[in-house]
Amino acid sequence: MFFGLQKLPQVPDAITSAVNSLDKKVDQILGNLLGSPELRRMGISPILSEISRLSSSINRYTGAPTPYQAERMGLLPGHMRNIIRELNTLIEKSIPELNKMMNENNIPWLIPVKPVKMP
């Protein structure tokens, strides 16, 4: 994710560690949304895949959703809110903290983005 740091001379270990930690958090959030081969092999259903499957199965049938489908539809918004909270924590806390460290060491920092609005 942060290949540019490798080109800079003498990047402090604290910054390298903070960047690696942020990179892992981003990968985790992406994995929760999009899934990974490892998650799929373990039978863990990432949220976007599950939303897509539920939508497809409900739209193909003219009857009411099954009890399982109704239960999943009730739980998925909460899971999405949790992921949005994690993402917003990165945007509002982790990235500004990293940028401060990078500023103090004259290293170009990350461009801030706006938090994700809750549905």
N, C-alpha and C. Protein backbone atom coordinates (compact mmCIF):
# COMPACT_ATOMS: atom_id res chain seq x y z
N MET A 1 0.82 -1.19 0.00
CA MET A 1 0.00 0.00 0.00
C MET A 1 0.86 1.26 0.00
N PHE A 2 1.90 1.30 0.79
CA PHE A 2 2.71 2.50 0.94
C PHE A 2 4.11 2.28 0.41
N PHE A 3 4.21 1.98 -0.86
CA PHE A 3 5.49 1.68 -1.47
C PHE A 3 6.41 2.89 -1.51
N GLY A 4 5.83 4.10 -1.53
CA GLY A 4 6.62 5.32 -1.60
C GLY A 4 7.56 5.49 -0.42
N LEU A 5 7.22 4.96 0.75
CA LEU A 5 8.08 5.09 1.93
C LEU A 5 9.41 4.38 1.71
N GLN A 6 9.40 3.32 0.92
CA GLN A 6 10.63 2.56 0.70
C GLN A 6 11.67 3.40 -0.03
N LYS A 7 11.23 4.41 -0.76
CA LYS A 7 12.15 5.24 -1.53
C LYS A 7 12.75 6.37 -0.69
N LEU A 8 12.19 6.63 0.48
CA LEU A 8 12.66 7.72 1.32
C LEU A 8 13.81 7.25 2.22
N PRO A 9 14.82 8.09 2.39
CA PRO A 9 15.92 7.70 3.28
C PRO A 9 15.50 7.81 4.74
N GLN A 10 15.90 6.86 5.53
CA GLN A 10 15.76 6.89 6.98
C GLN A 10 14.34 7.21 7.47
N VAL A 11 13.42 6.36 7.15
CA VAL A 11 12.07 6.48 7.68
C VAL A 11 12.09 5.88 9.09
N PRO A 12 11.64 6.65 10.10
CA PRO A 12 11.66 6.13 11.47
C PRO A 12 10.81 4.85 11.60
N ASP A 13 11.26 3.96 12.47
CA ASP A 13 10.54 2.69 12.69
C ASP A 13 9.11 2.91 13.13
N ALA A 14 8.86 3.96 13.92
CA ALA A 14 7.50 4.24 14.41
C ALA A 14 6.56 4.52 13.24
N ILE A 15 7.05 5.21 12.23
CA ILE A 15 6.21 5.51 11.07
C ILE A 15 5.99 4.25 10.24
N THR A 16 7.03 3.48 10.03
CA THR A 16 6.89 2.23 9.29
C THR A 16 5.89 1.31 9.98
N SER A 17 5.97 1.24 11.29
CA SER A 17 5.05 0.41 12.06
C SER A 17 3.62 0.93 11.95
N ALA A 18 3.44 2.24 12.06
CA ALA A 18 2.10 2.83 11.96
C ALA A 18 1.51 2.61 10.56
N VAL A 19 2.33 2.74 9.53
CA VAL A 19 1.86 2.51 8.16
C VAL A 19 1.47 1.05 7.98
N ASN A 20 2.29 0.13 8.47
CA ASN A 20 1.96 -1.29 8.36
C ASN A 20 0.68 -1.63 9.11
N SER A 21 0.49 -1.03 10.27
CA SER A 21 -0.73 -1.26 11.04
C SER A 21 -1.96 -0.74 10.29
N LEU A 22 -1.84 0.45 9.73
CA LEU A 22 -2.94 1.02 8.95
C LEU A 22 -3.24 0.16 7.73
N ASP A 23 -2.21 -0.31 7.08
CA ASP A 23 -2.37 -1.17 5.91
C ASP A 23 -3.13 -2.44 6.26
N LYS A 24 -2.81 -3.04 7.40
CA LYS A 24 -3.52 -4.25 7.84
C LYS A 24 -4.99 -3.96 8.15
N LYS A 25 -5.26 -2.81 8.75
CA LYS A 25 -6.64 -2.44 9.05
C LYS A 25 -7.45 -2.24 7.77
N VAL A 26 -6.83 -1.60 6.78
CA VAL A 26 -7.50 -1.40 5.49
C VAL A 26 -7.78 -2.75 4.84
N ASP A 27 -6.80 -3.64 4.85
CA ASP A 27 -6.99 -4.98 4.29
C ASP A 27 -8.11 -5.73 5.00
N GLN A 28 -8.20 -5.57 6.31
CA GLN A 28 -9.26 -6.23 7.08
C GLN A 28 -10.63 -5.70 6.68
N ILE A 29 -10.75 -4.40 6.55
CA ILE A 29 -12.03 -3.81 6.15
C ILE A 29 -12.40 -4.27 4.75
N LEU A 30 -11.44 -4.27 3.83
CA LEU A 30 -11.71 -4.76 2.48
C LEU A 30 -12.12 -6.23 2.50
N GLY A 31 -11.45 -7.02 3.31
CA GLY A 31 -11.81 -8.43 3.43
C GLY A 31 -13.22 -8.62 3.94
N ASN A 32 -13.62 -7.78 4.90
CA ASN A 32 -14.99 -7.87 5.43
C ASN A 32 -16.02 -7.51 4.38
N LEU A 33 -15.69 -6.58 3.52
CA LEU A 33 -16.63 -6.16 2.48
C LEU A 33 -16.61 -7.07 1.26
N LEU A 34 -15.42 -7.38 0.79
CA LEU A 34 -15.29 -8.08 -0.49
C LEU A 34 -14.92 -9.55 -0.35
N GLY A 35 -14.38 -9.90 0.79
CA GLY A 35 -13.99 -11.29 1.01
C GLY A 35 -12.61 -11.59 0.46
N SER A 36 -12.12 -12.71 0.81
CA SER A 36 -10.83 -13.19 0.35
C SER A 36 -10.97 -14.69 0.14
N PRO A 37 -10.06 -15.28 -0.60
CA PRO A 37 -10.13 -16.74 -0.78
C PRO A 37 -10.11 -17.49 0.55
N GLU A 38 -9.31 -17.00 1.49
CA GLU A 38 -9.23 -17.68 2.80
C GLU A 38 -10.59 -17.64 3.51
N LEU A 39 -11.24 -16.48 3.50
CA LEU A 39 -12.54 -16.37 4.17
C LEU A 39 -13.57 -17.28 3.51
N ARG A 40 -13.58 -17.29 2.18
CA ARG A 40 -14.56 -18.13 1.48
C ARG A 40 -14.33 -19.61 1.78
N ARG A 41 -13.07 -20.03 1.85
CA ARG A 41 -12.78 -21.45 2.17
C ARG A 41 -13.26 -21.81 3.57
N MET A 42 -13.23 -20.83 4.50
CA MET A 42 -13.67 -21.11 5.86
C MET A 42 -15.18 -21.00 6.01
N GLY A 43 -15.88 -20.63 4.94
CA GLY A 43 -17.32 -20.53 4.99
C GLY A 43 -17.82 -19.22 5.57
N ILE A 44 -16.94 -18.24 5.73
CA ILE A 44 -17.35 -16.94 6.24
C ILE A 44 -17.85 -16.13 5.07
N SER A 45 -19.05 -15.58 5.22
CA SER A 45 -19.68 -14.86 4.13
C SER A 45 -19.50 -13.35 4.30
N PRO A 46 -18.65 -12.73 3.50
CA PRO A 46 -18.49 -11.29 3.59
C PRO A 46 -19.82 -10.58 3.28
N ILE A 47 -19.94 -9.41 3.81
CA ILE A 47 -21.21 -8.70 3.77
C ILE A 47 -21.70 -8.39 2.37
N LEU A 48 -20.88 -7.83 1.51
CA LEU A 48 -21.35 -7.47 0.17
C LEU A 48 -21.78 -8.70 -0.62
N SER A 49 -21.06 -9.80 -0.46
CA SER A 49 -21.45 -11.03 -1.14
C SER A 49 -22.80 -11.52 -0.62
N GLU A 50 -22.97 -11.44 0.68
CA GLU A 50 -24.23 -11.91 1.26
C GLU A 50 -25.40 -11.03 0.84
N ILE A 51 -25.18 -9.72 0.81
CA ILE A 51 -26.24 -8.81 0.37
C ILE A 51 -26.63 -9.14 -1.06
N SER A 52 -25.65 -9.36 -1.89
CA SER A 52 -25.90 -9.67 -3.29
C SER A 52 -26.67 -10.99 -3.43
N ARG A 53 -26.25 -12.01 -2.70
CA ARG A 53 -26.94 -13.31 -2.76
C ARG A 53 -28.38 -13.19 -2.26
N LEU A 54 -28.56 -12.48 -1.14
CA LEU A 54 -29.91 -12.33 -0.59
C LEU A 54 -30.81 -11.59 -1.57
N SER A 55 -30.31 -10.51 -2.11
CA SER A 55 -31.09 -9.73 -3.06
C SER A 55 -31.49 -10.57 -4.26
N SER A 56 -30.54 -11.30 -4.78
CA SER A 56 -30.80 -12.14 -5.95
C SER A 56 -31.83 -13.22 -5.64
N SER A 57 -31.69 -13.91 -4.50
CA SER A 57 -32.61 -15.00 -4.19
C SER A 57 -34.01 -14.48 -3.85
N ILE A 58 -34.10 -13.32 -3.24
CA ILE A 58 -35.42 -12.75 -2.90
C ILE A 58 -36.10 -12.24 -4.17
N ASN A 59 -35.35 -11.62 -5.06
CA ASN A 59 -35.93 -11.07 -6.27
C ASN A 59 -36.34 -12.14 -7.29
N ARG A 60 -35.78 -13.33 -7.20
CA ARG A 60 -36.13 -14.40 -8.14
C ARG A 60 -37.42 -15.13 -7.75
N TYR A 61 -37.92 -14.88 -6.55
CA TYR A 61 -39.07 -15.62 -6.04
C TYR A 61 -40.19 -14.64 -5.72
N THR A 62 -41.41 -14.99 -6.08
CA THR A 62 -42.52 -14.05 -5.89
C THR A 62 -43.13 -14.10 -4.48
N GLY A 63 -42.78 -15.12 -3.71
CA GLY A 63 -43.31 -15.22 -2.35
C GLY A 63 -42.54 -14.36 -1.37
N ALA A 64 -42.98 -14.40 -0.13
CA ALA A 64 -42.30 -13.64 0.93
C ALA A 64 -40.93 -14.25 1.20
N PRO A 65 -40.01 -13.45 1.71
CA PRO A 65 -38.69 -14.00 2.08
C PRO A 65 -38.85 -15.08 3.15
N THR A 66 -37.92 -16.03 3.13
CA THR A 66 -37.94 -17.08 4.15
C THR A 66 -37.57 -16.46 5.50
N PRO A 67 -37.85 -17.16 6.60
CA PRO A 67 -37.45 -16.63 7.91
C PRO A 67 -35.95 -16.35 7.99
N TYR A 68 -35.15 -17.24 7.39
CA TYR A 68 -33.70 -17.02 7.40
C TYR A 68 -33.36 -15.74 6.64
N GLN A 69 -33.94 -15.54 5.47
CA GLN A 69 -33.67 -14.34 4.68
C GLN A 69 -34.09 -13.08 5.44
N ALA A 70 -35.24 -13.14 6.08
CA ALA A 70 -35.71 -11.97 6.84
C ALA A 70 -34.76 -11.68 8.01
N GLU A 71 -34.28 -12.73 8.66
CA GLU A 71 -33.34 -12.54 9.77
C GLU A 71 -32.05 -11.91 9.27
N ARG A 72 -31.51 -12.43 8.17
CA ARG A 72 -30.26 -11.89 7.62
C ARG A 72 -30.44 -10.44 7.18
N MET A 73 -31.60 -10.12 6.57
CA MET A 73 -31.85 -8.73 6.15
C MET A 73 -31.88 -7.80 7.36
N GLY A 74 -32.31 -8.30 8.49
CA GLY A 74 -32.33 -7.50 9.71
C GLY A 74 -30.95 -7.30 10.32
N LEU A 75 -30.06 -8.28 10.14
CA LEU A 75 -28.72 -8.22 10.74
C LEU A 75 -27.70 -7.47 9.89
N LEU A 76 -27.84 -7.54 8.59
CA LEU A 76 -26.82 -6.97 7.70
C LEU A 76 -26.60 -5.46 7.87
N PRO A 77 -27.65 -4.66 8.05
CA PRO A 77 -27.39 -3.23 8.25
C PRO A 77 -26.49 -2.95 9.46
N GLY A 78 -26.65 -3.70 10.52
CA GLY A 78 -25.80 -3.54 11.70
C GLY A 78 -24.35 -3.88 11.39
N HIS A 79 -24.14 -4.93 10.61
CA HIS A 79 -22.78 -5.30 10.21
C HIS A 79 -22.16 -4.20 9.35
N MET A 80 -22.95 -3.65 8.43
CA MET A 80 -22.44 -2.57 7.58
C MET A 80 -22.09 -1.35 8.43
N ARG A 81 -22.93 -1.03 9.41
CA ARG A 81 -22.63 0.11 10.29
C ARG A 81 -21.32 -0.10 11.04
N ASN A 82 -21.07 -1.34 11.47
CA ASN A 82 -19.80 -1.63 12.16
C ASN A 82 -18.60 -1.41 11.24
N ILE A 83 -18.72 -1.83 10.00
CA ILE A 83 -17.62 -1.64 9.05
C ILE A 83 -17.44 -0.15 8.76
N ILE A 84 -18.53 0.58 8.63
CA ILE A 84 -18.44 2.03 8.39
C ILE A 84 -17.78 2.71 9.59
N ARG A 85 -18.11 2.27 10.81
CA ARG A 85 -17.45 2.82 12.01
C ARG A 85 -15.95 2.57 11.97
N GLU A 86 -15.55 1.35 11.62
CA GLU A 86 -14.13 1.02 11.51
C GLU A 86 -13.44 1.91 10.48
N LEU A 87 -14.08 2.06 9.33
CA LEU A 87 -13.52 2.89 8.27
C LEU A 87 -13.41 4.35 8.71
N ASN A 88 -14.46 4.85 9.36
CA ASN A 88 -14.43 6.24 9.82
C ASN A 88 -13.38 6.45 10.91
N THR A 89 -13.13 5.45 11.74
CA THR A 89 -12.06 5.56 12.74
C THR A 89 -10.72 5.73 12.05
N LEU A 90 -10.51 4.98 10.97
CA LEU A 90 -9.28 5.15 10.20
C LEU A 90 -9.19 6.56 9.62
N ILE A 91 -10.29 7.01 9.04
CA ILE A 91 -10.32 8.32 8.38
C ILE A 91 -10.15 9.46 9.38
N GLU A 92 -10.85 9.36 10.51
CA GLU A 92 -10.89 10.48 11.46
C GLU A 92 -9.79 10.44 12.52
N LYS A 93 -9.23 9.25 12.77
CA LYS A 93 -8.25 9.14 13.86
C LYS A 93 -6.89 8.62 13.37
N SER A 94 -6.88 7.44 12.80
CA SER A 94 -5.61 6.79 12.45
C SER A 94 -4.83 7.56 11.39
N ILE A 95 -5.49 7.98 10.33
CA ILE A 95 -4.78 8.70 9.26
C ILE A 95 -4.28 10.06 9.75
N PRO A 96 -5.09 10.87 10.46
CA PRO A 96 -4.54 12.13 10.98
C PRO A 96 -3.36 11.93 11.93
N GLU A 97 -3.41 10.88 12.77
CA GLU A 97 -2.28 10.61 13.67
C GLU A 97 -1.03 10.25 12.86
N LEU A 98 -1.21 9.43 11.84
CA LEU A 98 -0.09 9.07 10.98
C LEU A 98 0.44 10.30 10.25
N ASN A 99 -0.46 11.12 9.73
CA ASN A 99 -0.03 12.33 9.03
C ASN A 99 0.76 13.26 9.95
N LYS A 100 0.36 13.35 11.20
CA LYS A 100 1.08 14.19 12.16
C LYS A 100 2.51 13.67 12.34
N MET A 101 2.63 12.34 12.50
CA MET A 101 3.96 11.73 12.65
C MET A 101 4.81 11.98 11.39
N MET A 102 4.18 11.84 10.24
CA MET A 102 4.90 12.02 8.99
C MET A 102 5.31 13.49 8.81
N ASN A 103 4.42 14.40 9.18
CA ASN A 103 4.73 15.84 9.11
C ASN A 103 5.94 16.18 9.97
N GLU A 104 5.96 15.62 11.17
CA GLU A 104 7.06 15.88 12.10
C GLU A 104 8.40 15.37 11.57
N ASN A 105 8.35 14.42 10.65
CA ASN A 105 9.57 13.84 10.08
C ASN A 105 9.79 14.25 8.62
N ASN A 106 9.07 15.29 8.19
CA ASN A 106 9.19 15.81 6.82
C ASN A 106 8.98 14.75 5.75
N ILE A 107 7.96 13.92 5.97
CA ILE A 107 7.59 12.88 5.01
C ILE A 107 6.23 13.27 4.44
N PRO A 108 6.08 13.22 3.10
CA PRO A 108 4.77 13.54 2.52
C PRO A 108 3.67 12.67 3.13
N TRP A 109 2.56 13.29 3.46
CA TRP A 109 1.51 12.56 4.16
C TRP A 109 0.34 12.22 3.26
N LEU A 110 -0.59 11.48 3.83
CA LEU A 110 -1.77 11.00 3.12
C LEU A 110 -2.79 12.12 2.96
N ILE A 111 -3.48 12.12 1.86
CA ILE A 111 -4.51 13.13 1.62
C ILE A 111 -5.75 12.72 2.41
N PRO A 112 -6.25 13.61 3.29
CA PRO A 112 -7.43 13.27 4.07
C PRO A 112 -8.68 13.16 3.20
N VAL A 113 -9.57 12.29 3.60
CA VAL A 113 -10.86 12.14 2.91
C VAL A 113 -11.97 12.33 3.92
N LYS A 114 -13.18 12.53 3.43
CA LYS A 114 -14.33 12.73 4.30
C LYS A 114 -14.81 11.39 4.85
N PRO A 115 -15.34 11.38 6.08
CA PRO A 115 -15.90 10.15 6.65
C PRO A 115 -17.11 9.68 5.82
N VAL A 116 -17.42 8.41 5.95
CA VAL A 116 -18.56 7.81 5.28
C VAL A 116 -19.80 8.10 6.11
N LYS A 117 -20.88 8.55 5.47
CA LYS A 117 -22.12 8.82 6.18
C LYS A 117 -22.84 7.51 6.49
N MET A 118 -23.39 7.44 7.69
CA MET A 118 -24.14 6.26 8.09
C MET A 118 -25.47 6.23 7.35
N PRO A 119 -25.87 5.04 6.89
CA PRO A 119 -27.19 4.91 6.21
C PRO A 119 -28.32 5.08 7.20
